[in-house]
Amino acid sequence: MSAVVFDLDGVLVDSEPVWEEVRRAFVADHGGQWQPDTQQRLMGMSTSEWAAYLSGELGVRLPADEVARGVVAHMARRYEDGGVPLMPGAVDAVRRLAARWPLGLASSSPRVLIDVVLDRTGLTASFKATVSTEEVARGKPEPDGYLLAAERLGVDPAACAAVEDSSNGLRSAYAAGMRVIAVPHPRYPPAPDALALATYVADDLGDLTPERVAAAMRTGT
């Protein structure tokens, strides 16, 4: 194995509840209607994709670019005022694996939020390459973000393990040809068919040791 590529939201940062709260409020404040399946559909979308969805499908009375700016500004303020809501064991897991392999990050968050999170958690130097799906043509479940992360790391995607939590993220990493390690979020579990794509399902980030990651990579070959 040559590298490990992490997702950010839901894996390292418990941000999905914050995203849901912020976007729900934004939709309600601007005349839209949140649907029962909205949060699951949004997970993994790029900024342009979810902004267009809120504007076009949920009835928010603003153009997509204004939706994106407004929601991201609210998210940045939440991180600045309340701190970054790290998943338990996130920093230790990153540092454990960074001591053995180069790490990448393939996130659906906008670049500004990725940089804020890594800076505030002291993890910037742990990642050799980071990708926001703003920087690729298609968001998750398409493989574009993971493929670009592998390219920036200078490694073959097939020689990478990806750490994911969501249905769209698992599908994205699998489509990129990576070995997929799932760390399901307890509040937003992935669909069974997406979870079935994982070579290994970890109980939590404490379960993510170099030995288990290496074994999962061998199992997937």
N, C-alpha and C. Protein backbone atom coordinates (compact mmCIF):
# COMPACT_ATOMS: atom_id res chain seq x y z
N MET A 1 0.84 -1.20 0.00
CA MET A 1 0.00 0.00 0.00
C MET A 1 0.87 1.24 0.00
N SER A 2 0.43 2.26 -0.74
CA SER A 2 1.25 3.46 -0.90
C SER A 2 0.77 4.66 -0.10
N ALA A 3 -0.55 4.75 0.19
CA ALA A 3 -1.08 5.95 0.85
C ALA A 3 -2.45 5.66 1.43
N VAL A 4 -2.87 6.52 2.34
CA VAL A 4 -4.22 6.48 2.91
C VAL A 4 -4.87 7.83 2.65
N VAL A 5 -6.11 7.81 2.18
CA VAL A 5 -6.85 9.04 1.90
C VAL A 5 -8.09 9.09 2.79
N PHE A 6 -8.18 10.13 3.58
CA PHE A 6 -9.31 10.32 4.49
C PHE A 6 -10.38 11.19 3.87
N ASP A 7 -11.62 10.89 4.21
CA ASP A 7 -12.70 11.86 4.11
C ASP A 7 -12.59 12.78 5.33
N LEU A 8 -13.29 13.90 5.31
CA LEU A 8 -13.23 14.83 6.44
C LEU A 8 -14.52 14.82 7.25
N ASP A 9 -15.60 15.26 6.63
CA ASP A 9 -16.88 15.38 7.34
C ASP A 9 -17.45 14.00 7.67
N GLY A 10 -17.72 13.79 8.94
CA GLY A 10 -18.28 12.52 9.38
C GLY A 10 -17.24 11.49 9.74
N VAL A 11 -16.00 11.66 9.29
CA VAL A 11 -14.91 10.76 9.64
C VAL A 11 -14.00 11.40 10.69
N LEU A 12 -13.44 12.55 10.37
CA LEU A 12 -12.56 13.25 11.31
C LEU A 12 -13.29 14.34 12.08
N VAL A 13 -14.27 14.94 11.46
CA VAL A 13 -15.01 16.03 12.09
C VAL A 13 -16.49 15.64 12.16
N ASP A 14 -17.07 15.80 13.33
CA ASP A 14 -18.50 15.48 13.50
C ASP A 14 -19.32 16.67 13.03
N SER A 15 -19.18 16.96 11.75
CA SER A 15 -19.76 18.17 11.18
C SER A 15 -21.11 17.96 10.53
N GLU A 16 -21.49 16.69 10.27
CA GLU A 16 -22.76 16.48 9.59
C GLU A 16 -23.95 17.04 10.37
N PRO A 17 -23.99 16.88 11.71
CA PRO A 17 -25.09 17.54 12.43
C PRO A 17 -25.06 19.06 12.31
N VAL A 18 -23.85 19.64 12.24
CA VAL A 18 -23.74 21.09 12.10
C VAL A 18 -24.20 21.51 10.70
N TRP A 19 -23.72 20.78 9.65
CA TRP A 19 -24.17 21.07 8.29
C TRP A 19 -25.70 20.98 8.21
N GLU A 20 -26.27 19.93 8.81
CA GLU A 20 -27.73 19.77 8.73
C GLU A 20 -28.44 20.93 9.42
N GLU A 21 -27.98 21.29 10.60
CA GLU A 21 -28.61 22.39 11.33
C GLU A 21 -28.52 23.70 10.56
N VAL A 22 -27.32 23.99 10.04
CA VAL A 22 -27.12 25.26 9.32
C VAL A 22 -27.93 25.29 8.04
N ARG A 23 -27.91 24.19 7.26
CA ARG A 23 -28.64 24.20 6.00
C ARG A 23 -30.15 24.16 6.22
N ARG A 24 -30.61 23.42 7.22
CA ARG A 24 -32.04 23.42 7.54
C ARG A 24 -32.52 24.84 7.84
N ALA A 25 -31.78 25.55 8.68
CA ALA A 25 -32.16 26.91 9.06
C ALA A 25 -32.13 27.83 7.85
N PHE A 26 -31.11 27.67 7.01
CA PHE A 26 -31.00 28.51 5.82
C PHE A 26 -32.18 28.27 4.89
N VAL A 27 -32.53 27.01 4.69
CA VAL A 27 -33.67 26.68 3.82
C VAL A 27 -34.96 27.29 4.37
N ALA A 28 -35.19 27.12 5.67
CA ALA A 28 -36.41 27.65 6.28
C ALA A 28 -36.45 29.17 6.21
N ASP A 29 -35.31 29.81 6.42
CA ASP A 29 -35.26 31.28 6.43
C ASP A 29 -35.47 31.88 5.04
N HIS A 30 -35.29 31.07 3.99
CA HIS A 30 -35.38 31.61 2.63
C HIS A 30 -36.47 30.92 1.81
N GLY A 31 -37.51 30.47 2.50
CA GLY A 31 -38.71 30.03 1.81
C GLY A 31 -38.71 28.63 1.26
N GLY A 32 -37.71 27.82 1.63
CA GLY A 32 -37.65 26.46 1.11
C GLY A 32 -38.30 25.45 2.03
N GLN A 33 -38.30 24.19 1.61
CA GLN A 33 -38.91 23.11 2.37
C GLN A 33 -37.96 21.93 2.45
N TRP A 34 -37.47 21.64 3.65
CA TRP A 34 -36.58 20.50 3.88
C TRP A 34 -37.37 19.21 3.74
N GLN A 35 -36.79 18.20 3.08
CA GLN A 35 -37.46 16.93 2.86
C GLN A 35 -36.87 15.84 3.75
N PRO A 36 -37.62 14.76 4.00
CA PRO A 36 -37.11 13.70 4.89
C PRO A 36 -35.78 13.10 4.45
N ASP A 37 -35.54 13.03 3.15
CA ASP A 37 -34.30 12.41 2.66
C ASP A 37 -33.22 13.41 2.30
N THR A 38 -33.44 14.68 2.62
CA THR A 38 -32.52 15.73 2.16
C THR A 38 -31.10 15.53 2.68
N GLN A 39 -30.92 15.28 3.99
CA GLN A 39 -29.58 15.18 4.54
C GLN A 39 -28.80 14.04 3.89
N GLN A 40 -29.42 12.88 3.72
CA GLN A 40 -28.72 11.76 3.09
C GLN A 40 -28.35 12.09 1.65
N ARG A 41 -29.20 12.80 0.95
CA ARG A 41 -28.91 13.15 -0.44
C ARG A 41 -27.76 14.16 -0.54
N LEU A 42 -27.66 15.04 0.45
CA LEU A 42 -26.64 16.09 0.41
C LEU A 42 -25.25 15.58 0.74
N MET A 43 -25.17 14.51 1.51
CA MET A 43 -23.85 14.03 1.97
C MET A 43 -23.01 13.58 0.79
N GLY A 44 -21.85 14.22 0.63
CA GLY A 44 -20.94 13.91 -0.46
C GLY A 44 -21.04 14.85 -1.64
N MET A 45 -22.12 15.62 -1.74
CA MET A 45 -22.23 16.56 -2.85
C MET A 45 -21.17 17.66 -2.73
N SER A 46 -20.72 18.15 -3.87
CA SER A 46 -19.83 19.31 -3.88
C SER A 46 -20.64 20.56 -3.54
N THR A 47 -19.92 21.65 -3.27
CA THR A 47 -20.59 22.90 -2.91
C THR A 47 -21.57 23.33 -3.99
N SER A 48 -21.14 23.31 -5.24
CA SER A 48 -22.03 23.75 -6.32
C SER A 48 -23.24 22.84 -6.45
N GLU A 49 -23.05 21.55 -6.19
CA GLU A 49 -24.15 20.59 -6.31
C GLU A 49 -25.19 20.78 -5.22
N TRP A 50 -24.74 20.89 -3.95
CA TRP A 50 -25.75 21.05 -2.91
C TRP A 50 -26.40 22.43 -2.94
N ALA A 51 -25.65 23.43 -3.34
CA ALA A 51 -26.25 24.76 -3.44
C ALA A 51 -27.34 24.79 -4.52
N ALA A 52 -27.07 24.14 -5.65
CA ALA A 52 -28.07 24.05 -6.71
C ALA A 52 -29.28 23.24 -6.25
N TYR A 53 -29.04 22.21 -5.45
CA TYR A 53 -30.14 21.38 -4.93
C TYR A 53 -31.03 22.20 -3.99
N LEU A 54 -30.42 22.95 -3.09
CA LEU A 54 -31.21 23.77 -2.17
C LEU A 54 -32.01 24.82 -2.92
N SER A 55 -31.37 25.41 -3.92
CA SER A 55 -32.02 26.46 -4.69
C SER A 55 -33.10 25.91 -5.61
N GLY A 56 -32.79 24.81 -6.31
CA GLY A 56 -33.70 24.32 -7.33
C GLY A 56 -34.72 23.32 -6.85
N GLU A 57 -34.32 22.40 -5.96
CA GLU A 57 -35.20 21.32 -5.53
C GLU A 57 -35.97 21.65 -4.24
N LEU A 58 -35.36 22.40 -3.36
CA LEU A 58 -36.00 22.69 -2.08
C LEU A 58 -36.69 24.05 -2.05
N GLY A 59 -36.56 24.81 -3.11
CA GLY A 59 -37.32 26.05 -3.23
C GLY A 59 -36.75 27.25 -2.52
N VAL A 60 -35.44 27.24 -2.21
CA VAL A 60 -34.82 28.43 -1.62
C VAL A 60 -34.85 29.57 -2.64
N ARG A 61 -35.30 30.72 -2.22
CA ARG A 61 -35.50 31.84 -3.14
C ARG A 61 -34.24 32.67 -3.33
N LEU A 62 -33.14 31.99 -3.67
CA LEU A 62 -31.87 32.65 -3.96
C LEU A 62 -31.16 31.86 -5.04
N PRO A 63 -30.32 32.52 -5.85
CA PRO A 63 -29.48 31.78 -6.80
C PRO A 63 -28.51 30.87 -6.05
N ALA A 64 -28.06 29.81 -6.72
CA ALA A 64 -27.20 28.82 -6.09
C ALA A 64 -25.92 29.43 -5.53
N ASP A 65 -25.32 30.39 -6.23
CA ASP A 65 -24.06 30.95 -5.74
C ASP A 65 -24.26 31.71 -4.43
N GLU A 66 -25.42 32.36 -4.28
CA GLU A 66 -25.71 33.06 -3.03
C GLU A 66 -26.01 32.07 -1.91
N VAL A 67 -26.66 30.97 -2.24
CA VAL A 67 -26.90 29.92 -1.26
C VAL A 67 -25.57 29.39 -0.73
N ALA A 68 -24.65 29.09 -1.64
CA ALA A 68 -23.34 28.56 -1.23
C ALA A 68 -22.61 29.54 -0.32
N ARG A 69 -22.55 30.80 -0.73
CA ARG A 69 -21.83 31.79 0.08
C ARG A 69 -22.45 31.92 1.47
N GLY A 70 -23.77 31.95 1.52
CA GLY A 70 -24.45 32.12 2.80
C GLY A 70 -24.25 30.96 3.75
N VAL A 71 -24.40 29.74 3.26
CA VAL A 71 -24.26 28.56 4.11
C VAL A 71 -22.81 28.40 4.57
N VAL A 72 -21.85 28.55 3.66
CA VAL A 72 -20.44 28.38 4.03
C VAL A 72 -20.03 29.44 5.05
N ALA A 73 -20.52 30.66 4.91
CA ALA A 73 -20.21 31.71 5.88
C ALA A 73 -20.75 31.34 7.26
N HIS A 74 -21.95 30.77 7.31
CA HIS A 74 -22.52 30.33 8.58
C HIS A 74 -21.68 29.20 9.19
N MET A 75 -21.24 28.26 8.35
CA MET A 75 -20.40 27.16 8.84
C MET A 75 -19.08 27.68 9.40
N ALA A 76 -18.44 28.59 8.70
CA ALA A 76 -17.17 29.15 9.16
C ALA A 76 -17.34 29.83 10.52
N ARG A 77 -18.45 30.55 10.69
CA ARG A 77 -18.69 31.23 11.96
C ARG A 77 -18.90 30.21 13.08
N ARG A 78 -19.58 29.10 12.77
CA ARG A 78 -19.78 28.07 13.79
C ARG A 78 -18.45 27.49 14.25
N TYR A 79 -17.53 27.23 13.31
CA TYR A 79 -16.22 26.71 13.68
C TYR A 79 -15.41 27.74 14.45
N GLU A 80 -15.53 28.99 14.06
CA GLU A 80 -14.77 30.04 14.73
C GLU A 80 -15.29 30.29 16.14
N ASP A 81 -16.62 30.26 16.30
CA ASP A 81 -17.22 30.57 17.61
C ASP A 81 -17.24 29.37 18.55
N GLY A 82 -17.52 28.20 17.99
CA GLY A 82 -17.70 27.04 18.85
C GLY A 82 -16.60 26.02 18.77
N GLY A 83 -15.61 26.23 17.91
CA GLY A 83 -14.54 25.26 17.74
C GLY A 83 -14.92 24.17 16.75
N VAL A 84 -13.93 23.37 16.38
CA VAL A 84 -14.14 22.29 15.42
C VAL A 84 -14.59 21.04 16.17
N PRO A 85 -15.74 20.48 15.83
CA PRO A 85 -16.26 19.31 16.55
C PRO A 85 -15.61 18.01 16.07
N LEU A 86 -14.43 17.72 16.58
CA LEU A 86 -13.71 16.53 16.15
C LEU A 86 -14.41 15.25 16.59
N MET A 87 -14.34 14.23 15.73
CA MET A 87 -14.78 12.90 16.13
C MET A 87 -13.80 12.35 17.17
N PRO A 88 -14.27 11.54 18.11
CA PRO A 88 -13.36 10.98 19.12
C PRO A 88 -12.22 10.19 18.47
N GLY A 89 -11.01 10.51 18.89
CA GLY A 89 -9.84 9.80 18.39
C GLY A 89 -9.32 10.26 17.05
N ALA A 90 -9.87 11.34 16.50
CA ALA A 90 -9.50 11.77 15.14
C ALA A 90 -8.03 12.14 15.03
N VAL A 91 -7.55 12.99 15.92
CA VAL A 91 -6.16 13.46 15.83
C VAL A 91 -5.19 12.29 15.99
N ASP A 92 -5.45 11.42 16.97
CA ASP A 92 -4.56 10.28 17.18
C ASP A 92 -4.56 9.34 15.98
N ALA A 93 -5.73 9.11 15.37
CA ALA A 93 -5.80 8.22 14.21
C ALA A 93 -5.00 8.77 13.04
N VAL A 94 -5.13 10.06 12.79
CA VAL A 94 -4.38 10.68 11.70
C VAL A 94 -2.89 10.56 11.95
N ARG A 95 -2.47 10.86 13.14
CA ARG A 95 -1.03 10.84 13.43
C ARG A 95 -0.46 9.42 13.41
N ARG A 96 -1.26 8.44 13.86
CA ARG A 96 -0.80 7.05 13.80
C ARG A 96 -0.53 6.62 12.36
N LEU A 97 -1.48 6.92 11.47
CA LEU A 97 -1.33 6.48 10.10
C LEU A 97 -0.32 7.34 9.34
N ALA A 98 -0.20 8.62 9.69
CA ALA A 98 0.78 9.49 9.03
C ALA A 98 2.20 9.07 9.35
N ALA A 99 2.39 8.39 10.46
CA ALA A 99 3.73 7.91 10.82
C ALA A 99 4.17 6.75 9.93
N ARG A 100 3.22 6.15 9.21
CA ARG A 100 3.56 4.99 8.36
C ARG A 100 3.37 5.26 6.88
N TRP A 101 2.34 6.03 6.50
CA TRP A 101 2.05 6.28 5.09
C TRP A 101 1.81 7.76 4.84
N PRO A 102 2.05 8.23 3.62
CA PRO A 102 1.59 9.58 3.27
C PRO A 102 0.07 9.62 3.26
N LEU A 103 -0.48 10.72 3.75
CA LEU A 103 -1.93 10.86 3.84
C LEU A 103 -2.47 11.89 2.86
N GLY A 104 -3.64 11.60 2.33
CA GLY A 104 -4.38 12.56 1.53
C GLY A 104 -5.74 12.81 2.16
N LEU A 105 -6.40 13.83 1.67
CA LEU A 105 -7.74 14.17 2.14
C LEU A 105 -8.60 14.46 0.91
N ALA A 106 -9.76 13.83 0.83
CA ALA A 106 -10.70 14.06 -0.26
C ALA A 106 -12.04 14.42 0.36
N SER A 107 -12.36 15.70 0.36
CA SER A 107 -13.51 16.20 1.12
C SER A 107 -14.51 16.92 0.23
N SER A 108 -15.78 16.82 0.62
CA SER A 108 -16.82 17.59 -0.06
C SER A 108 -16.93 19.00 0.50
N SER A 109 -16.22 19.29 1.57
CA SER A 109 -16.25 20.65 2.11
C SER A 109 -15.55 21.62 1.18
N PRO A 110 -15.96 22.88 1.19
CA PRO A 110 -15.23 23.89 0.43
C PRO A 110 -13.83 24.09 0.98
N ARG A 111 -12.94 24.56 0.13
CA ARG A 111 -11.53 24.72 0.51
C ARG A 111 -11.37 25.55 1.77
N VAL A 112 -12.14 26.60 1.91
CA VAL A 112 -11.97 27.49 3.07
C VAL A 112 -12.22 26.74 4.36
N LEU A 113 -13.20 25.82 4.39
CA LEU A 113 -13.49 25.08 5.61
C LEU A 113 -12.46 23.99 5.87
N ILE A 114 -11.97 23.34 4.80
CA ILE A 114 -10.90 22.36 4.97
C ILE A 114 -9.70 23.02 5.64
N ASP A 115 -9.31 24.16 5.13
CA ASP A 115 -8.12 24.84 5.67
C ASP A 115 -8.33 25.28 7.12
N VAL A 116 -9.55 25.77 7.43
CA VAL A 116 -9.84 26.18 8.81
C VAL A 116 -9.74 24.99 9.75
N VAL A 117 -10.34 23.86 9.36
CA VAL A 117 -10.35 22.67 10.21
C VAL A 117 -8.93 22.16 10.45
N LEU A 118 -8.15 22.01 9.39
CA LEU A 118 -6.80 21.47 9.56
C LEU A 118 -5.92 22.41 10.36
N ASP A 119 -6.07 23.71 10.15
CA ASP A 119 -5.27 24.67 10.91
C ASP A 119 -5.62 24.65 12.38
N ARG A 120 -6.91 24.65 12.70
CA ARG A 120 -7.35 24.73 14.09
C ARG A 120 -7.10 23.44 14.87
N THR A 121 -6.99 22.32 14.15
CA THR A 121 -6.74 21.03 14.82
C THR A 121 -5.27 20.64 14.81
N GLY A 122 -4.42 21.45 14.18
CA GLY A 122 -3.01 21.16 14.13
C GLY A 122 -2.64 20.00 13.22
N LEU A 123 -3.51 19.69 12.25
CA LEU A 123 -3.28 18.54 11.39
C LEU A 123 -2.81 18.90 9.98
N THR A 124 -2.58 20.16 9.70
CA THR A 124 -2.21 20.56 8.35
C THR A 124 -0.99 19.79 7.84
N ALA A 125 0.03 19.69 8.66
CA ALA A 125 1.28 19.05 8.23
C ALA A 125 1.16 17.54 8.08
N SER A 126 0.09 16.94 8.60
CA SER A 126 -0.08 15.49 8.51
C SER A 126 -0.52 15.04 7.13
N PHE A 127 -1.06 15.96 6.34
CA PHE A 127 -1.59 15.61 5.01
C PHE A 127 -0.68 16.13 3.91
N LYS A 128 -0.26 15.21 3.05
CA LYS A 128 0.61 15.58 1.93
C LYS A 128 -0.18 16.18 0.76
N ALA A 129 -1.47 15.87 0.68
CA ALA A 129 -2.31 16.38 -0.40
C ALA A 129 -3.74 16.48 0.10
N THR A 130 -4.42 17.58 -0.25
CA THR A 130 -5.82 17.74 0.11
C THR A 130 -6.61 18.17 -1.11
N VAL A 131 -7.84 17.70 -1.18
CA VAL A 131 -8.72 18.00 -2.32
C VAL A 131 -10.10 18.38 -1.80
N SER A 132 -10.62 19.47 -2.31
CA SER A 132 -12.02 19.82 -2.13
C SER A 132 -12.75 19.47 -3.43
N THR A 133 -13.98 18.97 -3.32
CA THR A 133 -14.70 18.66 -4.55
C THR A 133 -15.09 19.91 -5.32
N GLU A 134 -14.84 21.10 -4.75
CA GLU A 134 -14.92 22.32 -5.55
C GLU A 134 -13.90 22.30 -6.69
N GLU A 135 -12.84 21.51 -6.51
CA GLU A 135 -11.71 21.51 -7.45
C GLU A 135 -11.83 20.43 -8.53
N VAL A 136 -12.93 19.69 -8.53
CA VAL A 136 -13.14 18.65 -9.54
C VAL A 136 -14.51 18.85 -10.18
N ALA A 137 -14.72 18.15 -11.30
CA ALA A 137 -15.96 18.34 -12.05
C ALA A 137 -17.18 17.78 -11.34
N ARG A 138 -16.99 16.66 -10.63
CA ARG A 138 -18.13 15.98 -10.03
C ARG A 138 -17.84 15.61 -8.58
N GLY A 139 -18.85 15.78 -7.73
CA GLY A 139 -18.72 15.40 -6.34
C GLY A 139 -19.00 13.92 -6.13
N LYS A 140 -18.90 13.49 -4.89
CA LYS A 140 -19.21 12.12 -4.53
C LYS A 140 -20.70 11.86 -4.81
N PRO A 141 -21.09 10.70 -5.32
CA PRO A 141 -20.41 9.41 -5.35
C PRO A 141 -19.48 9.18 -6.54
N GLU A 142 -19.28 10.20 -7.40
CA GLU A 142 -18.32 10.04 -8.49
C GLU A 142 -16.90 10.01 -7.91
N PRO A 143 -15.96 9.42 -8.61
CA PRO A 143 -14.62 9.19 -8.04
C PRO A 143 -13.65 10.36 -8.16
N ASP A 144 -14.08 11.47 -8.75
CA ASP A 144 -13.15 12.53 -9.15
C ASP A 144 -12.26 13.02 -8.01
N GLY A 145 -12.84 13.26 -6.83
CA GLY A 145 -12.05 13.79 -5.72
C GLY A 145 -10.97 12.83 -5.26
N TYR A 146 -11.30 11.56 -5.18
CA TYR A 146 -10.31 10.56 -4.77
C TYR A 146 -9.23 10.37 -5.83
N LEU A 147 -9.62 10.42 -7.07
CA LEU A 147 -8.62 10.28 -8.14
C LEU A 147 -7.63 11.45 -8.10
N LEU A 148 -8.14 12.66 -7.88
CA LEU A 148 -7.24 13.82 -7.81
C LEU A 148 -6.34 13.74 -6.58
N ALA A 149 -6.88 13.26 -5.47
CA ALA A 149 -6.04 13.11 -4.27
C ALA A 149 -4.88 12.15 -4.54
N ALA A 150 -5.17 11.02 -5.21
CA ALA A 150 -4.10 10.07 -5.54
C ALA A 150 -3.08 10.70 -6.48
N GLU A 151 -3.58 11.46 -7.45
CA GLU A 151 -2.67 12.13 -8.39
C GLU A 151 -1.76 13.11 -7.66
N ARG A 152 -2.31 13.87 -6.74
CA ARG A 152 -1.50 14.85 -6.00
C ARG A 152 -0.50 14.15 -5.07
N LEU A 153 -0.86 12.97 -4.60
CA LEU A 153 0.07 12.18 -3.78
C LEU A 153 1.13 11.49 -4.64
N GLY A 154 0.87 11.38 -5.95
CA GLY A 154 1.79 10.71 -6.85
C GLY A 154 1.75 9.20 -6.73
N VAL A 155 0.55 8.66 -6.43
CA VAL A 155 0.42 7.21 -6.26
C VAL A 155 -0.74 6.69 -7.10
N ASP A 156 -0.72 5.40 -7.35
CA ASP A 156 -1.80 4.72 -8.05
C ASP A 156 -3.00 4.61 -7.11
N PRO A 157 -4.22 4.99 -7.54
CA PRO A 157 -5.38 4.84 -6.66
C PRO A 157 -5.55 3.42 -6.13
N ALA A 158 -5.19 2.43 -6.93
CA ALA A 158 -5.34 1.04 -6.50
C ALA A 158 -4.40 0.68 -5.35
N ALA A 159 -3.40 1.51 -5.10
CA ALA A 159 -2.47 1.29 -4.00
C ALA A 159 -2.83 2.11 -2.77
N CYS A 160 -4.05 2.66 -2.76
CA CYS A 160 -4.50 3.50 -1.66
C CYS A 160 -5.64 2.85 -0.89
N ALA A 161 -5.69 3.13 0.39
CA ALA A 161 -6.87 2.84 1.20
C ALA A 161 -7.59 4.16 1.45
N ALA A 162 -8.91 4.13 1.42
CA ALA A 162 -9.73 5.31 1.67
C ALA A 162 -10.56 5.08 2.92
N VAL A 163 -10.67 6.10 3.77
CA VAL A 163 -11.43 6.01 5.01
C VAL A 163 -12.66 6.88 4.87
N GLU A 164 -13.83 6.26 4.91
CA GLU A 164 -15.09 6.95 4.62
C GLU A 164 -16.19 6.56 5.61
N ASP A 165 -17.25 7.39 5.62
CA ASP A 165 -18.39 7.09 6.49
C ASP A 165 -19.71 7.04 5.75
N SER A 166 -19.90 7.85 4.72
CA SER A 166 -21.22 8.01 4.10
C SER A 166 -21.40 7.10 2.90
N SER A 167 -22.64 6.91 2.50
CA SER A 167 -22.94 6.08 1.33
C SER A 167 -22.25 6.63 0.10
N ASN A 168 -22.41 7.93 -0.16
CA ASN A 168 -21.80 8.52 -1.35
C ASN A 168 -20.29 8.49 -1.29
N GLY A 169 -19.72 8.67 -0.10
CA GLY A 169 -18.28 8.61 0.04
C GLY A 169 -17.72 7.23 -0.21
N LEU A 170 -18.38 6.21 0.34
CA LEU A 170 -17.95 4.84 0.11
C LEU A 170 -18.01 4.50 -1.38
N ARG A 171 -19.07 4.92 -2.03
CA ARG A 171 -19.21 4.64 -3.47
C ARG A 171 -18.14 5.38 -4.27
N SER A 172 -17.82 6.59 -3.85
CA SER A 172 -16.82 7.39 -4.54
C SER A 172 -15.44 6.74 -4.47
N ALA A 173 -15.03 6.36 -3.27
CA ALA A 173 -13.71 5.74 -3.10
C ALA A 173 -13.63 4.41 -3.83
N TYR A 174 -14.69 3.63 -3.78
CA TYR A 174 -14.71 2.35 -4.47
C TYR A 174 -14.61 2.55 -5.99
N ALA A 175 -15.34 3.54 -6.49
CA ALA A 175 -15.30 3.83 -7.93
C ALA A 175 -13.92 4.28 -8.37
N ALA A 176 -13.15 4.89 -7.46
CA ALA A 176 -11.80 5.32 -7.77
C ALA A 176 -10.81 4.16 -7.79
N GLY A 177 -11.26 2.99 -7.37
CA GLY A 177 -10.39 1.81 -7.36
C GLY A 177 -9.61 1.63 -6.08
N MET A 178 -9.96 2.39 -5.04
CA MET A 178 -9.26 2.27 -3.77
C MET A 178 -9.87 1.17 -2.91
N ARG A 179 -9.08 0.66 -1.95
CA ARG A 179 -9.63 -0.23 -0.94
C ARG A 179 -10.33 0.64 0.09
N VAL A 180 -11.54 0.28 0.42
CA VAL A 180 -12.39 1.16 1.22
C VAL A 180 -12.50 0.65 2.66
N ILE A 181 -12.21 1.53 3.60
CA ILE A 181 -12.40 1.26 5.02
C ILE A 181 -13.54 2.15 5.50
N ALA A 182 -14.58 1.54 6.04
CA ALA A 182 -15.74 2.30 6.52
C ALA A 182 -15.64 2.53 8.01
N VAL A 183 -15.92 3.77 8.41
CA VAL A 183 -16.09 4.12 9.82
C VAL A 183 -17.47 4.77 9.92
N PRO A 184 -18.53 3.97 10.02
CA PRO A 184 -19.88 4.53 9.93
C PRO A 184 -20.18 5.53 11.04
N HIS A 185 -20.84 6.61 10.66
CA HIS A 185 -21.28 7.60 11.64
C HIS A 185 -22.53 7.06 12.32
N PRO A 186 -22.59 7.09 13.67
CA PRO A 186 -23.73 6.50 14.36
C PRO A 186 -25.07 7.17 14.06
N ARG A 187 -25.03 8.46 13.72
CA ARG A 187 -26.29 9.17 13.45
C ARG A 187 -26.69 9.07 11.98
N TYR A 188 -25.71 8.93 11.10
CA TYR A 188 -25.98 8.88 9.66
C TYR A 188 -25.36 7.63 9.05
N PRO A 189 -25.85 6.45 9.39
CA PRO A 189 -25.24 5.22 8.88
C PRO A 189 -25.40 5.10 7.37
N PRO A 190 -24.41 4.52 6.70
CA PRO A 190 -24.50 4.35 5.24
C PRO A 190 -25.51 3.27 4.88
N ALA A 191 -25.96 3.31 3.64
CA ALA A 191 -26.87 2.30 3.13
C ALA A 191 -26.16 0.95 3.08
N PRO A 192 -26.89 -0.14 3.29
CA PRO A 192 -26.26 -1.46 3.30
C PRO A 192 -25.49 -1.78 2.03
N ASP A 193 -26.00 -1.37 0.87
CA ASP A 193 -25.29 -1.69 -0.37
C ASP A 193 -23.98 -0.92 -0.47
N ALA A 194 -23.94 0.30 0.08
CA ALA A 194 -22.69 1.07 0.08
C ALA A 194 -21.70 0.49 1.08
N LEU A 195 -22.21 0.10 2.26
CA LEU A 195 -21.33 -0.47 3.28
C LEU A 195 -20.71 -1.78 2.80
N ALA A 196 -21.43 -2.48 1.94
CA ALA A 196 -20.92 -3.76 1.41
C ALA A 196 -19.70 -3.57 0.52
N LEU A 197 -19.43 -2.34 0.08
CA LEU A 197 -18.26 -2.06 -0.75
C LEU A 197 -16.98 -2.00 0.07
N ALA A 198 -17.12 -1.91 1.38
CA ALA A 198 -15.94 -1.75 2.24
C ALA A 198 -15.22 -3.07 2.44
N THR A 199 -13.91 -3.00 2.38
CA THR A 199 -13.07 -4.15 2.71
C THR A 199 -13.07 -4.41 4.20
N TYR A 200 -13.16 -3.33 4.98
CA TYR A 200 -13.13 -3.45 6.43
C TYR A 200 -14.05 -2.39 7.02
N VAL A 201 -14.83 -2.76 8.04
CA VAL A 201 -15.70 -1.82 8.74
C VAL A 201 -15.18 -1.66 10.16
N ALA A 202 -14.69 -0.47 10.47
CA ALA A 202 -14.14 -0.18 11.79
C ALA A 202 -15.25 0.23 12.75
N ASP A 203 -15.07 -0.11 14.02
CA ASP A 203 -16.05 0.31 15.02
C ASP A 203 -15.98 1.82 15.25
N ASP A 204 -14.78 2.35 15.26
CA ASP A 204 -14.56 3.78 15.47
C ASP A 204 -13.13 4.09 15.06
N LEU A 205 -12.71 5.33 15.24
CA LEU A 205 -11.36 5.71 14.83
C LEU A 205 -10.27 5.06 15.69
N GLY A 206 -10.61 4.68 16.91
CA GLY A 206 -9.66 3.97 17.74
C GLY A 206 -9.31 2.61 17.18
N ASP A 207 -10.20 2.08 16.35
CA ASP A 207 -10.01 0.78 15.70
C ASP A 207 -9.12 0.89 14.46
N LEU A 208 -8.80 2.12 14.10
CA LEU A 208 -8.06 2.37 12.86
C LEU A 208 -6.56 2.40 13.16
N THR A 209 -5.97 1.22 13.26
CA THR A 209 -4.54 1.11 13.53
C THR A 209 -3.81 0.78 12.23
N PRO A 210 -2.50 1.06 12.17
CA PRO A 210 -1.74 0.69 10.98
C PRO A 210 -1.85 -0.80 10.65
N GLU A 211 -1.86 -1.63 11.67
CA GLU A 211 -1.94 -3.07 11.45
C GLU A 211 -3.26 -3.46 10.79
N ARG A 212 -4.37 -2.88 11.26
CA ARG A 212 -5.68 -3.21 10.69
C ARG A 212 -5.82 -2.64 9.29
N VAL A 213 -5.29 -1.44 9.06
CA VAL A 213 -5.37 -0.85 7.73
C VAL A 213 -4.55 -1.68 6.75
N ALA A 214 -3.36 -2.08 7.13
CA ALA A 214 -2.53 -2.92 6.25
C ALA A 214 -3.20 -4.25 5.97
N ALA A 215 -3.82 -4.84 6.98
CA ALA A 215 -4.50 -6.12 6.78
C ALA A 215 -5.69 -5.96 5.84
N ALA A 216 -6.42 -4.85 5.98
CA ALA A 216 -7.55 -4.60 5.09
C ALA A 216 -7.09 -4.43 3.66
N MET A 217 -5.95 -3.80 3.48
CA MET A 217 -5.41 -3.63 2.13
C MET A 217 -5.03 -4.97 1.53
N ARG A 218 -4.45 -5.85 2.32
CA ARG A 218 -4.09 -7.17 1.82
C ARG A 218 -5.32 -8.00 1.50
N THR A 219 -6.35 -7.87 2.32
CA THR A 219 -7.59 -8.60 2.12
C THR A 219 -8.25 -8.19 0.82
N GLY A 220 -8.11 -6.91 0.49
CA GLY A 220 -8.78 -6.38 -0.71
C GLY A 220 -8.08 -6.72 -2.00
N THR A 221 -6.91 -7.30 -1.94
CA THR A 221 -6.18 -7.57 -3.17
C THR A 221 -6.53 -8.93 -3.72
